[in-house]
Protein backbone atom coordinates (compact mmCIF):
# COMPACT_ATOMS: atom_id res chain seq x y z
CA MET A 1 39.83 17.14 16.36
CA ILE A 2 36.58 16.30 18.37
CA LEU A 3 35.17 20.05 17.42
CA ASN A 4 35.40 19.12 13.87
CA GLU A 5 32.14 17.02 14.78
CA LEU A 6 30.42 20.42 15.97
CA LEU A 7 30.94 21.33 12.34
CA ASN A 8 30.07 18.34 10.44
CA ASP A 9 27.24 17.28 12.52
CA PRO A 10 25.74 19.03 15.42
CA LEU A 11 23.14 16.42 16.23
CA LEU A 12 25.64 14.16 16.42
CA PHE A 13 28.24 16.18 18.49
CA VAL A 14 25.71 16.68 21.23
CA ALA A 15 25.00 12.79 21.29
CA TRP A 16 28.44 12.46 21.86
CA LEU A 17 28.54 15.38 24.26
CA VAL A 18 25.70 14.16 26.55
CA ALA A 19 27.40 10.52 26.50
CA ILE A 20 30.98 11.44 27.63
CA ILE A 21 29.38 13.76 30.27
CA SER A 22 27.35 10.75 31.24
CA VAL A 23 29.70 8.61 31.47
CA LEU A 24 32.68 10.40 33.33
CA SER A 25 29.77 11.30 35.90
CA ILE A 26 29.01 7.61 36.22
CA HIS A 27 32.55 6.74 36.84
CA GLU A 28 33.48 9.14 39.61
CA PHE A 29 29.95 8.60 41.11
CA SER A 30 30.90 5.18 41.43
CA HIS A 31 34.04 6.04 43.12
CA ALA A 32 32.74 7.78 45.60
CA LEU A 33 30.00 5.30 46.27
CA ALA A 34 32.68 2.68 46.97
CA GLY A 35 34.63 4.90 49.44
CA THR A 36 31.34 6.04 51.06
CA LEU A 37 30.49 2.44 51.35
CA LEU A 38 34.11 1.06 52.60
CA GLY A 39 33.41 3.39 55.45
CA ASP A 40 35.12 6.85 54.28
CA SER A 41 32.92 9.68 54.15
CA THR A 42 35.45 11.96 52.32
CA ALA A 43 33.80 11.72 49.30
CA LYS A 44 30.18 12.26 50.44
CA ASP A 45 31.38 15.38 52.72
CA SER A 46 32.96 16.74 49.39
CA GLY A 47 29.69 16.61 47.91
CA ARG A 48 30.88 13.92 45.24
CA LEU A 49 28.16 11.89 46.07
CA THR A 50 26.02 12.55 43.38
CA LEU A 51 25.32 12.03 39.82
CA ASN A 52 25.15 15.50 39.28
CA PRO A 53 27.69 16.35 36.08
CA LEU A 54 28.77 19.79 37.63
CA SER A 55 30.27 18.03 40.52
CA HIS A 56 32.63 15.58 38.45
CA VAL A 57 33.58 17.20 35.19
CA SER A 58 36.93 18.90 34.81
CA TRP A 59 36.55 21.75 32.68
CA VAL A 60 40.03 22.16 32.11
CA GLY A 61 40.02 18.13 31.38
CA PHE A 62 37.22 18.25 29.52
CA ILE A 63 38.56 21.38 27.58
CA MET A 64 41.24 19.55 26.48
CA LEU A 65 39.28 16.44 25.82
CA LEU A 66 37.38 18.95 22.84
CA LEU A 67 40.82 19.93 21.38
CA VAL A 68 43.09 17.25 21.57
CA GLY A 69 41.01 13.91 21.90
CA PHE A 70 42.37 13.41 25.54
CA GLY A 71 41.22 14.94 28.87
CA TRP A 72 39.82 13.64 32.24
CA GLY A 73 37.29 13.87 35.03
CA ASN A 74 37.40 15.75 38.34
CA PRO A 75 39.42 13.13 40.58
CA VAL A 76 37.23 11.73 43.64
CA PRO A 77 39.25 12.13 47.09
CA PHE A 78 39.39 9.42 49.33
CA ASN A 79 41.10 8.80 52.75
CA PRO A 80 42.94 5.24 52.57
CA TYR A 81 43.34 5.37 55.99
CA ASN A 82 39.54 5.70 56.97
CA LEU A 83 38.59 2.46 54.50
CA ARG A 84 37.49 -0.45 56.08
CA TYR A 85 39.96 -2.58 54.31
CA GLN A 86 43.34 -0.80 54.57
CA ARG A 87 45.53 -2.78 52.09
CA PHE A 88 42.76 -3.51 49.25
CA GLY A 89 40.52 -0.66 49.79
CA PRO A 90 42.13 1.81 47.63
CA ALA A 91 42.11 -0.92 44.65
CA ILE A 92 38.48 -1.41 45.44
CA VAL A 93 37.53 2.13 45.13
CA ALA A 94 39.52 2.47 41.76
CA LEU A 95 38.37 -0.42 40.33
CA ALA A 96 34.46 0.82 41.24
CA GLY A 97 34.91 3.24 38.35
CA PRO A 98 35.98 0.96 35.43
CA LEU A 99 33.96 -1.82 36.67
CA SER A 100 30.92 0.95 36.63
CA ASN A 101 31.96 1.79 33.13
CA LEU A 102 31.82 -2.34 31.98
CA LEU A 103 28.23 -2.32 33.53
CA MET A 104 27.16 0.37 31.80
CA ALA A 105 28.29 -0.84 28.44
CA ILE A 106 26.76 -4.07 28.85
CA ILE A 107 23.47 -2.28 29.47
CA GLY A 108 24.22 -0.41 26.28
CA ILE A 109 24.57 -3.65 24.42
CA PHE A 110 20.77 -4.68 25.88
CA VAL A 111 19.36 -1.55 24.78
CA LEU A 112 20.65 -1.39 21.65
CA LYS A 113 19.70 -4.88 20.75
CA LEU A 114 16.21 -4.22 22.26
CA PHE A 115 16.08 -1.28 19.93
CA ILE A 116 17.09 -3.41 16.52
CA VAL A 117 15.30 -5.97 17.58
CA SER A 118 12.13 -4.45 18.46
CA SER A 119 12.56 -2.30 15.43
CA VAL A 120 11.79 0.61 17.48
CA VAL A 121 14.11 3.41 15.76
CA GLY A 122 16.46 2.54 12.75
CA ALA A 123 19.84 1.99 12.71
CA ASP A 124 20.53 5.46 11.55
CA ASN A 125 18.54 6.96 14.38
CA LEU A 126 20.33 9.62 16.40
CA VAL A 127 19.11 7.15 19.82
CA VAL A 128 20.75 4.51 18.21
CA HIS A 129 24.11 6.43 17.51
CA PHE A 130 24.23 7.90 20.92
CA VAL A 131 23.83 4.57 22.36
CA ASN A 132 27.01 3.32 20.34
CA LEU A 133 28.75 6.23 21.67
CA PHE A 134 27.75 5.69 25.24
CA ILE A 135 29.06 1.87 24.62
CA VAL A 136 32.11 2.76 22.90
CA MET A 137 33.18 5.68 25.64
CA ASN A 138 32.75 3.57 28.43
CA VAL A 139 34.88 0.56 27.12
CA VAL A 140 37.57 3.17 26.41
CA LEU A 141 37.25 5.03 29.79
CA MET A 142 37.47 1.63 31.52
CA LEU A 143 40.54 0.56 29.41
CA PHE A 144 42.13 3.61 29.64
CA ASN A 145 41.61 3.94 33.63
CA LEU A 146 42.96 0.22 34.11
CA LEU A 147 46.72 0.77 32.86
CA PRO A 148 48.89 0.88 35.67
CA ILE A 149 50.01 4.28 35.66
CA PRO A 150 49.38 7.16 38.39
CA PRO A 151 46.80 8.85 38.54
CA LEU A 152 44.89 6.23 36.83
CA ASP A 153 43.03 3.75 38.58
CA GLY A 154 45.48 0.65 37.58
CA SER A 155 47.96 2.14 39.71
CA LYS A 156 45.84 1.51 42.67
CA VAL A 157 45.45 -2.09 42.06
CA LEU A 158 49.10 -2.54 41.21
CA PHE A 159 50.06 -0.59 44.71
CA SER A 160 47.47 -2.89 46.56
CA LEU A 161 49.38 -6.15 45.18
CA PHE A 162 52.58 -5.21 45.45
CA ASN A 163 52.47 -4.20 49.31
CA ASN A 164 56.13 -5.29 50.24
CA PRO A 165 58.15 -2.70 51.74
CA ARG A 166 60.79 -3.38 49.23
CA TRP A 167 58.47 -2.25 46.55
CA GLU A 168 58.65 1.48 48.28
CA PRO A 169 61.14 2.72 46.06
CA MET A 170 59.07 1.43 42.37
CA LYS A 171 55.93 2.97 44.33
CA ALA A 172 57.24 6.48 44.96
CA PHE A 173 59.03 6.76 41.84
CA LEU A 174 55.60 5.99 39.97
CA GLU A 175 53.53 8.02 42.10
CA GLY A 176 56.05 11.22 41.78
CA ASN A 177 56.48 10.49 37.73
CA GLY A 178 53.24 9.36 37.28
CA TYR A 179 51.83 12.09 35.21
CA TRP A 180 54.88 12.38 33.11
CA ILE A 181 55.31 8.79 32.33
CA LEU A 182 51.77 9.08 31.15
CA ILE A 183 52.29 11.92 28.97
CA PHE A 184 55.27 10.50 27.70
CA VAL A 185 53.59 7.14 26.91
CA LEU A 186 50.46 9.09 25.13
CA ILE A 187 52.95 11.34 22.86
CA PHE A 188 55.23 8.16 22.15
CA ASP A 189 52.39 6.50 20.92
CA SER A 190 51.02 9.27 18.92
CA PHE A 191 54.54 10.56 17.56
CA PHE A 192 55.71 7.32 16.28
CA ASN A 193 52.30 6.28 15.10
CA LEU A 194 52.24 3.35 16.68
CA GLY A 195 48.92 3.12 17.62
CA LEU A 196 49.19 0.80 20.45
CA LEU A 197 46.40 2.71 22.63
CA ASN A 198 43.41 2.57 19.83
CA LYS A 199 44.18 -1.32 19.29
CA LEU A 200 43.77 -1.57 22.65
CA PHE A 201 40.52 0.35 22.75
CA SER A 202 39.28 -1.39 19.24
CA TRP A 203 40.10 -4.65 20.63
CA GLY A 204 38.03 -4.09 23.81
CA ILE A 205 34.98 -2.67 21.85
CA ASP A 206 35.24 -5.66 19.60
CA LEU A 207 35.19 -7.69 22.16
CA VAL A 208 32.19 -6.41 24.21
CA TYR A 209 30.13 -6.47 21.54
CA ARG A 210 30.98 -10.04 20.17
CA LEU A 211 30.90 -11.66 23.56
CA LEU A 212 27.59 -9.78 23.95
CA GLY A 213 26.07 -10.62 20.37
């Protein structure tokens, strides 16, 4: 449980808190920015074209994150019919979130390297822990959201690729049951101790660190 960190190391918990709120806010803001740039003002009119965490954090999702380690942000609304590109517009808006996470992870790696090379702070410094948490959370959020299950971002990419009318029954089934499918996947992975998601996240984190030195 994440709350155990508060009891064991309050400063580390605060670093985790700041990191996860920052990551979620940048992710959701990127969705809003992409939709706005593509001609849809829904997110802007809803007050979501901002980095203010209060506009993006779902407090129910955040409490769930603290209690069980799984949570969510406040989804950014958009009208697909207002987007400049009708077919791939929703996919572009969806991918903006994970791509922002990748960019933030890359920036975090370079900041970390700067700290280490210049010896500005030691490896056990709280700032270094924060940057590491920031990198890890960005990679995890990116990979998790790329799963092709509604309401995750990967599903919008999947639906844009399978745009033929013959795929409509599949899309309708996934859109109608996506939440339950996602919950089933999470419970199944945890109950049978498969650790598939953890393996995916560990692979992604290791890959980012290795590719960027």
